[in-house]
Amino acid sequence: MSDGETVTVAHGSGTGKTREFLEESVLSRFGGDADGDLAVGLGALDDGAVHELGDRSVVVTTDSHVVSPLSFPGGDIGRLAVAGTVNDLAVMGATEPLALTCSLVVEAGTSVDLLEGILDSMEAACEEAGCAVTTGDTKVMGSGEIDGIVINTTGVGVVPRGEHVPDAGISPGDALVLSGPVGDHGITLLAEREGFDIDGDLESDVAPVNDAVAAALDAGTVTAMKDPTRGGLATALNEMVRKAGVGATVDETAIPVRDSVAAAGELLGIDPFDVANEGKVVFGVDAADADAVVEAIRTTQMGADAAVIGEVTEDNAGRVVLDTGFGRRYLSEPEGEQLPRIC
């Protein structure tokens, strides 16, 4: 970042501006994998780090959660905090979270009933994911010093040594599998925040997906996984192919999108492929196992609409080609931050 430049909302989008900031200002200081036990370090910009410890690999991830409004159809910031961290562990292969931390930053004047409701939601999400908060911290800021509540969670999980799954493991010939419909969280948040009365049920998909990931890993060879949060499906796919040095072709008609989300997205001018999901996973899968993996995911709570959506290719390295049924175009990641404070 140049002298005198200021941080913008786009720097938190999870897309190009975020990568620029991380590469220039963060990785230059902390990106060196100096410790010999690091299998996946900060420089990989994956969903978590992996430390090798004896015959095990310890997966660590952390995230700060901000959302407006704090409660929304399908969940609240508490459920979001637990699910987001559990899901980041899961897509690294750690489907049985060992523990979570929780740091609460609360604005003075916040309703105690609201805060306790959020903590109840966190408790329920932990039970759903099979984990617990084992340590944490609380800070209270003055009125107006922050906007409501910020929750930071860190998650720790363990897998057998070398059995973690990176987001860059895809290779030509692999199938691309999506665990369910995209766009639910981002579109729901925008409609709720702006008070739009849109026909059709809109509800965030926020949920732990460790059961779906475990089912996929048991059913076949999973080569890569990604949690399509900020920047949505488009950003997740572009990150995967860019890191792996391959291309991908995706069938638009195969990507599940709920009718209500598609209609709301069209009305609001927001592409469901570009907005955050909080209960979905993108998988790279050995093509021979793709059908078995899809069927396994479909047996889980959030995976009923799982589908093969495309394949990894040798050509168009670093690009995702979207086959619309009428022609082809590149599926590019969104620029800037379309929907601030959604995850």
Foldseek 3Di string as FASTA:
>chain_A
DDPPDDDDLLCVLLDDNVVVCCVPPPCVVAVDPPDPQWPAGVVLVWLWTWGDDVQKIKTKHKDKAFAPPQAFFAGGRLLLQQQQQCQSCLQQPFLAWEEKAKEKEFEPPADPVVVVVSVVNNVVQCVVSVYYHDYYYYHYDYHPPDDGMMMMMMIMGMDGPPPTATLQQADFQWFKKKQAAFQLQFLRRVCVNVVPDAPDDGHAPAHHQSQLSVLLVVQAAWRGKHAQFRQAQLRSQLSRLQSNQWEKEFEPVLHDHDPRSVVSCVVVVHDRRGHGHNHMMMITGNPVRVVRSLVSSCVDDRRVSMTGTIGIGRPPRSWYWYDHVVGIDTRHGDGGHPGPRRD
